[in-house]
Amino acid sequence: MTPRALVYGDIDLNLIDGSAIWLQSVTQALARAGCAVTLVLKAPVRTSRLIAPLLAEPGITVRRPFEEHLVEGLQGSGPLRPAAATELLARLDAEQHYDLVVLRGRALTAAAARSEAFTGRLWPYLTDVPQSVPGLTPDMAAELEMIANAARYLLCQTEELRCFLEGSIPAACGKCVLLPPMLADIPSARGAAAAGIPLRLVYAGKFAPRWNTLEMTGLPALLAARGVASELHMAGDKIHDDATGYQQRMREALEGDGVTWHGGHSREEAMRLTASCDIGLS
């Protein structure tokens, strides 16, 4: 019997960043592992860049709650909030029982665990959680204990997070599974003989203060001052904002000398771009 997987992330697939690529990738990986996968979208579809490959993949069903009028009465317009998403997922599960439920987003996962609708079937992917002892408050520890009790597995991005959770949350012991990034076939890289003519730097992902993406845009000028000709190529269309007006400053910097902003691209296009460059920034 083919296992059925229900997948949902507190992620808008209209915007391209690492979490959106993860959601696309894990859906494809489950389908290629033999699951019948249902991916439920958080927001109305404005661009099909990330879902088009999924629609073409055997074994994947993409549900569009807004277009299918599945969310009427749950909340107002706009992307699904965690409580509404949990209620919708439970309703879909009642129509067709799923063997595993893969979720990303702590607030969403906590709401799902609290509902007890998927106890023993939850496979949450935890990133937006404390990853050090000082950050693990009693309330946060209690929430993670509740999530771990409801989960079949806890999917962890790094070995360090896996060790931290199993060492700090008793219910997580034996449930934490390492899930590293899933890489598609990588295009051939730029030839070594071409490197440095000019030096091509590349960044792909979201633009945010903690990611130092604004500082990256200063690299071509810094390198030029040292006699190194360079280009900075940046891909992505999710730009964070804050009280300092970061979004406006980031947009202006993306138009600066030596910087080429490619906007949002599919994963395949972004990988071709990065393969054409010499140094990846992260």
Protein backbone atom coordinates (compact mmCIF):
# COMPACT_ATOMS: atom_id res chain seq x y z
CA MET A 1 0.00 0.00 0.00
CA THR A 2 1.36 3.42 -0.96
CA PRO A 3 1.96 5.62 2.10
CA ARG A 4 0.16 8.96 1.97
CA ALA A 5 1.94 12.12 3.10
CA LEU A 6 0.35 15.49 3.88
CA VAL A 7 2.82 18.40 3.60
CA TYR A 8 2.34 22.00 4.73
CA GLY A 9 4.72 24.80 5.59
CA ASP A 10 4.06 28.23 7.08
CA ILE A 11 5.72 29.44 3.88
CA ASP A 12 4.49 31.56 0.96
CA LEU A 13 5.63 29.79 -2.21
CA ASN A 14 5.21 32.98 -4.21
CA LEU A 15 8.42 34.24 -2.57
CA ILE A 16 11.69 32.44 -3.11
CA ASP A 17 13.98 31.80 -0.16
CA GLY A 18 15.57 28.80 1.49
CA SER A 19 12.39 27.70 3.28
CA ALA A 20 10.37 27.80 0.05
CA ILE A 21 13.00 25.71 -1.75
CA TRP A 22 12.98 23.30 1.20
CA LEU A 23 9.21 22.85 0.92
CA GLN A 24 9.49 22.15 -2.80
CA SER A 25 12.40 19.76 -2.24
CA VAL A 26 10.90 17.73 0.58
CA THR A 27 7.69 17.30 -1.42
CA GLN A 28 9.68 15.96 -4.38
CA ALA A 29 11.83 13.74 -2.14
CA LEU A 30 8.79 12.11 -0.51
CA ALA A 31 7.18 11.47 -3.90
CA ARG A 32 10.38 9.93 -5.28
CA ALA A 33 10.63 7.77 -2.16
CA GLY A 34 7.25 6.23 -3.07
CA CYS A 35 4.72 8.36 -1.17
CA ALA A 36 1.50 9.81 -2.55
CA VAL A 37 2.04 13.41 -1.47
CA THR A 38 -0.51 16.16 -0.97
CA LEU A 39 1.03 19.62 -0.65
CA VAL A 40 -1.29 22.30 0.75
CA LEU A 41 -0.40 25.90 -0.11
CA LYS A 42 -0.43 28.70 2.45
CA ALA A 43 -1.25 31.57 0.09
CA PRO A 44 -3.10 32.22 -3.19
CA VAL A 45 -0.93 31.45 -6.20
CA ARG A 46 0.58 34.54 -7.83
CA THR A 47 3.46 32.80 -9.58
CA SER A 48 3.93 29.14 -10.47
CA ARG A 49 7.76 29.19 -10.46
CA LEU A 50 8.02 26.75 -7.55
CA ILE A 51 4.85 24.73 -7.96
CA ALA A 52 5.15 24.08 -11.73
CA PRO A 53 7.80 21.34 -11.24
CA LEU A 54 5.58 19.76 -8.57
CA LEU A 55 2.54 19.70 -10.83
CA ALA A 56 4.60 17.78 -13.39
CA GLU A 57 5.80 15.22 -10.84
CA PRO A 58 3.97 11.88 -10.56
CA GLY A 59 2.59 11.22 -7.10
CA ILE A 60 2.16 14.87 -6.08
CA THR A 61 -1.18 16.64 -5.62
CA VAL A 62 -1.10 20.38 -4.98
CA ARG A 63 -4.10 21.77 -3.08
CA ARG A 64 -4.86 25.49 -3.45
CA PRO A 65 -7.12 26.39 -0.51
CA PHE A 66 -8.02 29.88 -1.72
CA GLU A 67 -8.70 28.95 -5.32
CA GLU A 68 -10.61 25.83 -4.19
CA HIS A 69 -12.62 27.86 -1.64
CA LEU A 70 -11.50 25.60 1.20
CA VAL A 71 -10.81 28.40 3.66
CA GLU A 72 -14.11 30.27 3.65
CA GLY A 73 -15.20 30.80 7.21
CA LEU A 74 -11.78 29.95 8.65
CA GLN A 75 -10.33 33.47 8.42
CA GLY A 76 -10.30 36.58 6.25
CA SER A 77 -8.26 37.11 3.12
CA GLY A 78 -4.50 36.72 3.07
CA PRO A 79 -2.17 33.80 3.78
CA LEU A 80 -3.41 31.13 6.16
CA ARG A 81 -2.63 31.64 9.82
CA PRO A 82 -1.47 28.65 11.91
CA ALA A 83 -4.81 28.00 13.64
CA ALA A 84 -6.75 28.13 10.37
CA ALA A 85 -4.15 25.98 8.62
CA THR A 86 -4.38 23.34 11.37
CA GLU A 87 -8.17 23.23 11.06
CA LEU A 88 -7.96 22.89 7.27
CA LEU A 89 -5.34 20.13 7.45
CA ALA A 90 -7.47 18.21 9.96
CA ARG A 91 -10.44 18.47 7.60
CA LEU A 92 -8.42 17.17 4.66
CA ASP A 93 -7.11 14.34 6.84
CA ALA A 94 -10.67 13.39 7.78
CA GLU A 95 -11.50 13.05 4.08
CA GLN A 96 -8.44 10.92 3.34
CA HIS A 97 -6.36 9.59 6.20
CA TYR A 98 -2.65 10.39 5.87
CA ASP A 99 0.14 8.21 7.22
CA LEU A 100 2.51 11.08 7.89
CA VAL A 101 2.09 14.84 8.23
CA VAL A 102 5.18 16.94 7.48
CA LEU A 103 5.02 20.49 8.87
CA ARG A 104 7.41 23.43 8.98
CA GLY A 105 6.92 26.40 11.32
CA ARG A 106 6.94 26.32 15.12
CA ALA A 107 3.65 28.16 15.69
CA LEU A 108 1.94 25.93 13.14
CA THR A 109 3.44 22.75 14.60
CA ALA A 110 2.50 23.77 18.14
CA ALA A 111 -1.10 24.38 17.03
CA ALA A 112 -1.20 20.98 15.31
CA ALA A 113 0.26 19.22 18.35
CA ARG A 114 -2.15 20.98 20.66
CA SER A 115 -5.11 19.86 18.53
CA GLU A 116 -4.05 16.19 18.88
CA ALA A 117 -5.41 15.62 15.36
CA PHE A 118 -2.15 14.12 14.08
CA THR A 119 -0.61 12.60 17.21
CA GLY A 120 1.89 9.90 16.28
CA ARG A 121 1.95 10.99 12.62
CA LEU A 122 3.62 14.41 12.86
CA TRP A 123 7.01 14.89 11.19
CA PRO A 124 7.81 18.53 12.05
CA TYR A 125 10.92 20.21 10.65
CA LEU A 126 12.25 22.45 13.40
CA THR A 127 14.41 25.47 12.63
CA ASP A 128 12.73 28.46 14.32
CA VAL A 129 13.37 27.13 17.82
CA PRO A 130 16.01 27.98 20.46
CA GLN A 131 19.29 26.27 19.69
CA SER A 132 21.17 27.13 22.87
CA VAL A 133 20.56 26.63 26.58
CA PRO A 134 20.12 30.38 27.36
CA GLY A 135 17.36 30.66 24.77
CA LEU A 136 15.44 27.66 26.05
CA THR A 137 12.96 29.26 28.48
CA PRO A 138 10.65 27.06 30.60
CA ASP A 139 7.69 27.96 28.37
CA MET A 140 9.61 27.12 25.22
CA ALA A 141 10.82 23.84 26.71
CA ALA A 142 7.23 22.91 27.60
CA GLU A 143 6.09 23.71 24.05
CA LEU A 144 8.84 21.61 22.50
CA GLU A 145 8.04 18.77 24.92
CA MET A 146 4.40 18.89 23.75
CA ILE A 147 5.47 18.86 20.08
CA ALA A 148 7.86 15.96 20.69
CA ASN A 149 5.17 13.93 22.44
CA ALA A 150 2.86 14.37 19.44
CA ALA A 151 5.54 13.63 16.83
CA ARG A 152 6.65 10.41 15.21
CA TYR A 153 9.90 12.03 14.14
CA LEU A 154 11.50 15.45 14.63
CA LEU A 155 13.36 16.49 11.48
CA CYS A 156 16.53 18.49 12.20
CA GLN A 157 18.58 20.57 9.78
CA THR A 158 21.90 19.97 11.58
CA GLU A 159 23.53 17.39 13.81
CA GLU A 160 24.07 20.16 16.39
CA LEU A 161 20.32 20.83 16.61
CA ARG A 162 19.58 17.12 16.85
CA CYS A 163 22.00 16.74 19.76
CA PHE A 164 20.68 19.87 21.48
CA LEU A 165 17.03 18.78 21.29
CA GLU A 166 17.72 15.24 22.47
CA GLY A 167 19.88 16.58 25.29
CA SER A 168 17.35 19.21 26.41
CA ILE A 169 13.87 17.78 25.71
CA PRO A 170 13.31 14.32 27.21
CA ALA A 171 10.43 13.45 24.86
CA ALA A 172 12.67 14.16 21.84
CA CYS A 173 15.12 11.38 22.69
CA GLY A 174 15.15 8.77 19.93
CA LYS A 175 12.85 10.81 17.68
CA CYS A 176 15.27 13.33 16.17
CA VAL A 177 16.32 12.56 12.60
CA LEU A 178 18.90 14.49 10.62
CA LEU A 179 17.46 15.87 7.36
CA PRO A 180 20.22 17.74 5.50
CA PRO A 181 19.45 19.89 2.43
CA MET A 182 18.25 17.88 -0.57
CA LEU A 183 20.35 18.70 -3.61
CA ALA A 184 19.29 18.16 -7.19
CA ASP A 185 21.85 17.47 -9.91
CA ILE A 186 24.38 20.31 -9.80
CA PRO A 187 25.28 21.94 -13.14
CA SER A 188 28.88 22.01 -14.30
CA ALA A 189 30.78 24.82 -12.61
CA ARG A 190 32.53 27.69 -14.36
CA GLY A 191 35.87 26.49 -15.67
CA ALA A 192 38.92 27.25 -13.52
CA ALA A 193 40.64 28.88 -16.48
CA ALA A 194 37.90 31.52 -16.66
CA ALA A 195 37.94 32.34 -12.95
CA GLY A 196 38.81 35.92 -12.09
CA ILE A 197 37.98 37.53 -15.46
CA PRO A 198 36.27 39.27 -13.69
CA LEU A 199 35.79 37.48 -10.38
CA ARG A 200 32.12 36.52 -10.12
CA LEU A 201 30.52 36.44 -6.66
CA VAL A 202 27.03 35.04 -6.12
CA TYR A 203 24.35 34.97 -3.42
CA ALA A 204 20.95 33.27 -3.67
CA GLY A 205 18.30 33.47 -0.96
CA LYS A 206 16.40 36.02 1.08
CA PHE A 207 17.65 39.50 1.86
CA ALA A 208 17.73 40.15 5.61
CA PRO A 209 19.87 42.02 8.16
CA ARG A 210 21.07 38.88 9.92
CA TRP A 211 22.15 37.41 6.57
CA ASN A 212 24.47 40.40 5.91
CA THR A 213 23.10 40.77 2.39
CA LEU A 214 23.31 44.56 2.49
CA GLU A 215 26.98 44.33 3.42
CA MET A 216 27.58 41.91 0.54
CA THR A 217 26.69 44.62 -1.97
CA GLY A 218 29.76 46.59 -0.88
CA LEU A 219 32.16 43.83 -1.95
CA PRO A 220 32.67 44.91 -5.60
CA ALA A 221 33.84 48.39 -4.48
CA LEU A 222 36.08 46.94 -1.74
CA LEU A 223 37.65 44.52 -4.22
CA ALA A 224 38.08 47.26 -6.85
CA ALA A 225 40.01 49.31 -4.29
CA ARG A 226 42.42 46.39 -4.07
CA GLY A 227 42.76 46.05 -7.83
CA VAL A 228 40.40 43.09 -8.23
CA ALA A 229 37.68 43.43 -10.87
CA SER A 230 34.50 41.66 -9.72
CA GLU A 231 30.76 41.25 -10.23
CA LEU A 232 28.20 40.40 -7.56
CA HIS A 233 25.20 38.42 -8.76
CA MET A 234 22.22 38.16 -6.37
CA ALA A 235 19.08 36.04 -6.82
CA GLY A 236 15.93 36.12 -4.69
CA ASP A 237 12.86 38.28 -4.22
CA LYS A 238 12.12 38.11 -0.48
CA ILE A 239 13.37 41.31 1.17
CA HIS A 240 12.81 41.73 4.90
CA ASP A 241 12.02 45.08 6.48
CA ASP A 242 12.53 46.63 9.90
CA ALA A 243 12.16 49.93 11.73
CA THR A 244 15.37 51.25 10.17
CA GLY A 245 13.98 51.09 6.61
CA TYR A 246 16.14 48.10 5.70
CA GLN A 247 13.98 47.08 2.75
CA GLN A 248 14.42 50.40 0.95
CA ARG A 249 18.16 50.47 1.60
CA MET A 250 18.50 46.89 0.37
CA ARG A 251 16.58 47.64 -2.81
CA GLU A 252 18.77 50.67 -3.52
CA ALA A 253 21.92 48.63 -2.93
CA LEU A 254 20.72 45.97 -5.39
CA GLU A 255 20.86 48.65 -8.09
CA GLY A 256 24.42 49.68 -7.18
CA ASP A 257 27.59 49.51 -9.29
CA GLY A 258 28.95 46.03 -9.75
CA VAL A 259 25.74 44.39 -8.50
CA THR A 260 23.34 42.46 -10.73
CA TRP A 261 20.02 41.56 -9.12
CA HIS A 262 18.39 38.69 -10.98
CA GLY A 263 15.17 38.71 -8.94
CA GLY A 264 13.33 35.51 -8.08
CA HIS A 265 14.17 32.34 -10.01
CA SER A 266 13.31 28.67 -9.86
CA ARG A 267 15.74 26.43 -8.03
CA GLU A 268 17.09 25.07 -11.32
CA GLU A 269 17.75 28.56 -12.69
CA ALA A 270 19.39 29.66 -9.44
CA MET A 271 21.69 26.63 -9.50
CA ARG A 272 22.72 27.40 -13.08
CA LEU A 273 23.51 30.97 -12.03
CA THR A 274 25.59 29.91 -9.03
CA ALA A 275 27.47 27.32 -11.11
CA SER A 276 28.50 30.11 -13.51
CA CYS A 277 30.22 32.05 -10.71
CA ASP A 278 33.49 31.64 -8.81
CA ILE A 279 32.66 32.32 -5.14
CA GLY A 280 29.42 31.67 -3.30
CA LEU A 281 28.46 33.98 -0.44
CA SER A 282 26.55 32.76 2.60
